[in-house]
Protein backbone atom coordinates (compact mmCIF):
# COMPACT_ATOMS: atom_id res chain seq x y z
CA MET A 1 16.46 9.46 -10.24
CA SER A 2 14.92 9.84 -13.70
CA ILE A 3 14.52 7.01 -16.15
CA ALA A 4 12.19 6.10 -19.01
CA PHE A 5 10.77 2.60 -19.16
CA GLU A 6 10.03 0.94 -22.50
CA ASN A 7 7.40 -1.43 -21.07
CA ILE A 8 6.16 -2.74 -17.74
CA GLY A 9 8.22 -5.93 -17.93
CA GLU A 10 11.48 -4.03 -18.28
CA ALA A 11 10.39 -1.51 -15.65
CA ALA A 12 9.76 -4.28 -13.14
CA ILE A 13 13.17 -5.82 -13.90
CA ALA A 14 14.77 -2.39 -13.40
CA VAL A 15 13.43 -2.38 -9.83
CA LEU A 16 14.81 -5.87 -9.24
CA LYS A 17 18.23 -4.82 -10.56
CA THR A 18 18.48 -1.75 -8.32
CA GLU A 19 20.98 -2.52 -5.56
CA LYS A 20 20.67 0.25 -2.98
CA ALA A 21 17.63 -0.11 -0.74
CA ARG A 22 16.52 3.52 -0.79
CA GLU A 23 16.93 3.73 -4.57
CA LYS A 24 15.01 0.47 -5.02
CA ALA A 25 12.07 1.93 -3.08
CA GLU A 26 12.24 5.18 -5.08
CA ARG A 27 12.37 3.34 -8.40
CA ALA A 28 9.45 1.12 -7.38
CA ARG A 29 7.35 4.20 -6.71
CA MET A 30 8.41 5.77 -10.02
CA VAL A 31 7.40 2.63 -11.92
CA ALA A 32 4.03 2.59 -10.15
CA ALA A 33 3.42 6.25 -11.01
CA ALA A 34 4.39 5.66 -14.65
CA TRP A 35 2.13 2.60 -14.88
CA LYS A 36 -0.83 4.59 -13.53
CA THR A 37 -0.63 6.95 -16.49
CA GLY A 38 -1.82 4.09 -18.72
CA ARG A 39 0.81 4.87 -21.35
CA MET A 40 3.37 2.17 -20.52
CA PRO A 41 3.15 -0.81 -22.91
CA PHE A 42 1.88 -4.08 -21.42
CA GLU A 43 4.82 -6.14 -22.66
CA PHE A 44 7.23 -8.62 -21.06
CA PRO A 45 10.18 -9.23 -23.41
CA ASN A 46 12.57 -10.72 -20.82
CA MET A 47 12.52 -12.91 -17.72
CA PRO A 48 13.73 -11.43 -14.43
CA PRO A 49 16.89 -12.58 -12.64
CA ASP A 50 16.49 -15.38 -10.10
CA ARG A 51 17.87 -13.08 -7.42
CA PRO A 52 17.37 -9.33 -7.18
CA ALA A 53 20.25 -6.93 -6.60
CA ARG A 54 20.68 -6.18 -2.92
CA PRO A 55 22.82 -3.78 -0.87
CA LYS A 56 26.06 -5.07 0.62
CA ARG A 57 24.49 -4.72 4.05
CA PRO A 58 22.72 -6.13 5.99
CA GLU A 59 24.65 -9.34 6.47
CA LEU A 60 22.32 -12.20 5.49
CA LEU A 61 22.32 -15.12 7.90
CA ASP A 62 20.66 -18.51 7.97
CA PRO A 63 17.33 -18.03 9.81
CA ALA A 64 18.47 -20.47 12.52
CA LYS A 65 21.54 -18.30 13.20
CA MET A 66 19.70 -15.00 13.63
CA PRO A 67 20.17 -13.37 17.06
CA LYS A 68 17.16 -13.85 19.31
CA ARG A 69 15.28 -10.64 20.08
CA ARG A 70 14.68 -10.10 23.78
CA LYS A 71 11.38 -8.87 25.08
CA GLY A 72 11.08 -5.36 26.40
CA GLY A 73 10.85 -1.76 25.28
CA THR A 74 14.52 -0.82 25.06
CA ASP A 75 15.79 1.16 22.09
CA GLY A 76 17.84 -1.88 21.05
CA ASN A 77 14.79 -4.10 20.93
CA ARG A 78 12.78 -1.52 19.04
CA ARG A 79 15.59 -1.12 16.51
CA ALA A 80 15.82 -4.88 16.03
CA LEU A 81 12.08 -5.27 15.48
CA LEU A 82 11.75 -2.34 13.09
CA HIS A 83 14.85 -3.46 11.20
CA ALA A 84 13.39 -6.95 10.79
CA VAL A 85 10.14 -5.52 9.42
CA ALA A 86 12.05 -3.16 7.11
CA HIS A 87 13.93 -6.15 5.71
CA ILE A 88 10.63 -7.94 5.08
CA GLU A 89 9.29 -4.87 3.28
CA LEU A 90 12.40 -4.59 1.08
CA ASN A 91 11.92 -8.24 0.11
CA ALA A 92 8.25 -7.50 -0.50
CA ILE A 93 9.14 -4.79 -3.05
CA ASP A 94 11.14 -7.33 -5.02
CA LEU A 95 8.50 -10.03 -4.62
CA ALA A 96 5.81 -7.75 -6.08
CA PHE A 97 7.88 -6.72 -9.09
CA ASP A 98 9.19 -10.25 -9.63
CA ILE A 99 5.65 -11.65 -9.84
CA VAL A 100 4.83 -8.99 -12.45
CA ALA A 101 7.95 -9.61 -14.54
CA ARG A 102 7.82 -13.39 -14.20
CA PHE A 103 4.11 -14.13 -14.55
CA GLY A 104 2.40 -10.96 -15.81
CA ALA A 105 2.36 -12.03 -19.47
CA MET A 106 0.21 -15.07 -18.72
CA MET A 107 -2.39 -13.18 -16.68
CA PRO A 108 -4.98 -10.44 -17.28
CA ARG A 109 -3.75 -6.86 -17.17
CA SER A 110 -5.57 -6.36 -13.84
CA PHE A 111 -3.13 -8.85 -12.27
CA THR A 112 -0.29 -6.45 -13.09
CA ASP A 113 -2.40 -3.53 -11.83
CA ASP A 114 -2.77 -5.24 -8.45
CA TRP A 115 0.88 -6.19 -7.98
CA ILE A 116 2.26 -2.84 -9.15
CA LYS A 117 0.05 -1.16 -6.55
CA ILE A 118 1.28 -3.65 -3.95
CA GLY A 119 4.89 -2.94 -4.91
CA ASP A 120 4.19 0.78 -4.50
CA ASP A 121 2.73 0.13 -1.04
CA GLU A 122 5.72 -1.98 -0.01
CA ALA A 123 8.14 0.74 -1.16
CA ARG A 124 6.25 3.31 0.90
CA HIS A 125 6.29 0.96 3.90
CA PHE A 126 10.05 0.52 3.60
CA THR A 127 10.55 4.29 3.47
CA MET A 128 8.36 4.81 6.55
CA LEU A 129 10.28 2.17 8.50
CA SER A 130 13.64 3.59 7.40
CA SER A 131 12.57 6.96 8.77
CA ARG A 132 11.62 5.42 12.11
CA LEU A 133 14.94 3.57 12.28
CA ARG A 134 16.82 6.84 11.69
CA SER A 135 14.95 8.39 14.62
CA LEU A 136 16.43 5.59 16.76
CA ASP A 137 19.97 6.19 15.41
CA CYS A 138 19.85 3.11 13.20
CA LEU A 139 20.04 2.60 9.44
CA TYR A 140 18.73 -0.30 7.40
CA GLY A 141 21.70 -2.63 7.08
CA ASP A 142 23.12 -1.97 10.56
CA LEU A 143 21.75 -5.28 11.86
CA PRO A 144 21.84 -8.79 10.35
CA ALA A 145 18.85 -10.21 8.50
CA HIS A 146 17.87 -13.54 6.95
CA ASP A 147 17.22 -14.69 3.39
CA GLY A 148 14.24 -16.97 4.00
CA LEU A 149 11.70 -14.85 2.11
CA TRP A 150 13.62 -14.84 -1.14
CA GLN A 151 14.30 -18.56 -0.87
CA SER A 152 10.53 -19.01 -1.11
CA ALA A 153 10.59 -16.96 -4.31
CA ILE A 154 13.28 -19.20 -5.79
CA ASP A 155 11.38 -22.33 -4.80
CA THR A 156 8.24 -21.10 -6.60
CA LYS A 157 9.80 -19.39 -9.63
CA GLU A 158 8.30 -21.94 -12.05
CA SER A 159 4.77 -21.95 -10.61
CA LEU A 160 2.44 -18.99 -10.19
CA PRO A 161 -0.09 -20.99 -8.11
CA ALA A 162 2.70 -22.04 -5.75
CA ARG A 163 4.01 -18.46 -5.55
CA LEU A 164 0.56 -17.14 -4.63
CA ALA A 165 -0.01 -19.91 -2.10
CA ILE A 166 3.33 -19.50 -0.33
CA VAL A 167 4.11 -15.78 -0.44
CA PRO A 168 0.88 -13.83 0.08
CA MET A 169 -1.31 -16.63 1.47
CA VAL A 170 1.19 -18.11 3.95
CA LEU A 171 4.06 -15.69 4.61
CA GLU A 172 2.18 -12.39 4.34
CA ALA A 173 -0.84 -13.86 6.10
CA ARG A 174 1.50 -14.68 8.99
CA GLY A 175 2.18 -10.96 9.23
CA LEU A 176 -1.53 -10.41 9.87
CA ASP A 177 -1.25 -12.79 12.83
CA VAL A 178 1.76 -11.20 14.54
CA THR A 179 1.58 -7.48 13.74
CA PRO A 180 -1.26 -6.52 16.13
CA ASN A 181 0.84 -7.73 19.06
CA MET A 182 3.83 -5.73 17.79
CA ILE A 183 1.66 -2.61 17.57
CA GLU A 184 0.49 -3.18 21.15
CA GLN A 185 4.11 -3.59 22.34
CA PHE A 186 5.18 -0.28 20.81
CA ARG A 187 2.18 1.56 22.24
CA LYS A 188 2.77 0.00 25.67
CA ASN A 189 6.31 1.33 25.61
CA GLY A 190 5.29 4.82 24.53
CA ASP A 191 6.44 4.63 20.90
CA GLU A 192 3.25 5.83 19.24
CA ALA A 193 5.03 6.83 16.02
CA SER A 194 6.33 3.32 15.36
CA ALA A 195 2.98 1.84 16.35
CA ASP A 196 1.22 4.08 13.83
CA VAL A 197 3.61 3.02 11.05
CA LEU A 198 2.98 -0.66 11.82
CA LYS A 199 -0.78 -0.05 11.96
CA THR A 200 -0.70 1.47 8.45
CA ILE A 201 1.33 -1.48 7.18
CA TYR A 202 -1.01 -3.99 8.86
CA GLU A 203 -4.16 -2.46 7.38
CA GLU A 204 -2.69 -2.36 3.87
CA GLU A 205 -1.24 -5.87 4.10
CA ILE A 206 -4.79 -7.24 4.42
CA SER A 207 -5.41 -6.06 0.85
CA HIS A 208 -2.16 -7.69 -0.29
CA VAL A 209 -3.14 -11.07 1.13
CA ALA A 210 -6.57 -10.53 -0.44
CA ALA A 211 -4.98 -10.02 -3.87
CA GLY A 212 -3.03 -13.26 -3.51
CA SER A 213 -6.14 -15.12 -2.42
CA ARG A 214 -8.26 -13.65 -5.22
CA TRP A 215 -5.80 -14.53 -7.98
CA PHE A 216 -5.21 -17.99 -6.54
CA LYS A 217 -8.95 -18.63 -6.66
CA PHE A 218 -9.03 -17.24 -10.21
CA LEU A 219 -6.48 -19.86 -11.27
CA ALA A 220 -8.35 -22.59 -9.41
CA GLN A 221 -11.62 -21.69 -11.11
CA LYS A 222 -9.91 -21.54 -14.48
CA GLY A 223 -8.49 -25.02 -13.94
CA GLU A 224 -11.70 -26.34 -12.36
CA ILE A 225 -9.77 -27.24 -9.19
CA ASP A 226 -11.01 -27.08 -5.61
CA PRO A 227 -9.10 -24.04 -4.24
CA GLU A 228 -8.85 -25.25 -0.64
CA GLU A 229 -7.47 -28.68 -1.54
CA TRP A 230 -5.10 -27.17 -4.10
CA PHE A 231 -3.84 -24.60 -1.61
CA GLN A 232 -3.21 -27.28 1.00
CA ASP A 233 -1.42 -29.53 -1.50
CA LEU A 234 0.83 -26.69 -2.68
CA VAL A 235 1.70 -25.55 0.83
CA GLN A 236 2.67 -29.08 1.83
CA ALA A 237 4.80 -29.39 -1.32
CA TYR A 238 6.54 -26.00 -1.25
CA PHE A 239 6.50 -24.62 2.30
CA LYS A 240 9.36 -25.55 4.61
CA GLY A 241 7.94 -24.75 8.00
CA GLN A 242 4.83 -24.77 10.14
CA LEU A 243 1.66 -22.71 10.23
CA LYS A 244 1.72 -21.36 13.76
CA ARG A 245 -1.35 -20.67 15.82
CA PRO A 246 -3.01 -18.44 16.94
CA PHE A 247 -4.39 -17.15 13.63
CA ASN A 248 -5.89 -13.69 13.18
CA VAL A 249 -9.17 -15.06 11.89
CA PRO A 250 -10.98 -11.69 11.38
CA ALA A 251 -8.10 -10.26 9.29
CA ARG A 252 -7.71 -13.47 7.32
CA ASN A 253 -11.45 -13.51 6.63
CA LYS A 254 -11.22 -9.94 5.31
CA ALA A 255 -8.44 -11.15 3.01
CA GLY A 256 -10.66 -13.89 1.59
CA MET A 257 -9.01 -16.75 3.47
CA PRO A 258 -11.58 -18.70 5.50
CA VAL A 259 -10.42 -20.92 8.35
CA SER A 260 -11.01 -24.05 6.25
CA PHE A 261 -8.07 -23.05 4.01
CA TYR A 262 -5.35 -23.00 6.63
CA GLU A 263 -6.52 -24.55 9.91
CA PRO A 264 -6.12 -28.16 8.69
CA LEU A 265 -2.58 -27.30 7.54
CA ALA A 266 -1.51 -26.34 11.05
CA ASP A 267 -1.92 -29.98 12.09
CA MET A 268 -0.69 -31.47 8.79
CA LEU A 269 2.60 -29.54 8.81
CA GLU A 270 3.12 -30.11 12.52
CA SER A 271 3.02 -33.88 12.06
CA SER A 272 4.99 -34.00 8.78
């Protein structure tokens, strides 16, 4: 796949408009490599589509209708878990390039630097997971998935603060809470290769949550707003769900999210 990009805005939209999952990941990595050269113009002539192009499979279901994964170390359970994470990572590619195309023009260039790097990471994560799925005789798309992550993108398409609060600081932070247990499950069942892939993803996701937290605080400081109160207000306004305990406090602290940001929300959202 070889393509020239006129500017970073159009390059990001090109990723969003790529339908096939493998090609989307490859194009994301190409855009990141081109951006690193420093020669791509920092311009955003067009807005991105509300929805990115997606492959015909997997079948997208309402989250409530997703099959329940059973506990245990069977190949079927491992496939289901890795497939679910691969679907999250494919969404994460689009989320990173959407935030660049949609909001990059209003932010410092370093904002685009951060999210292009994150998009590159997410593309690499998807490729790693796809490889592990193939080793278990499964391809991305063989199992159903849900559309909840992109619904959050649609809900926050008009507000960068809301996007940062909901996607990296709530949804991706949730990944920091649950991934260590997934890693332990794979190791317990003798699948060291999958555990190592998830460990790499986990360690790099801390920096992604940190980028969201840092830019959210940047906007709060710019607007002379208390970041904790603003975060809590935005989550209550835009997030349709609960913040589930237990929280991975050490990882969240590394990502610049002290307990005072999210702990009160666990009770607020539970009672709402």
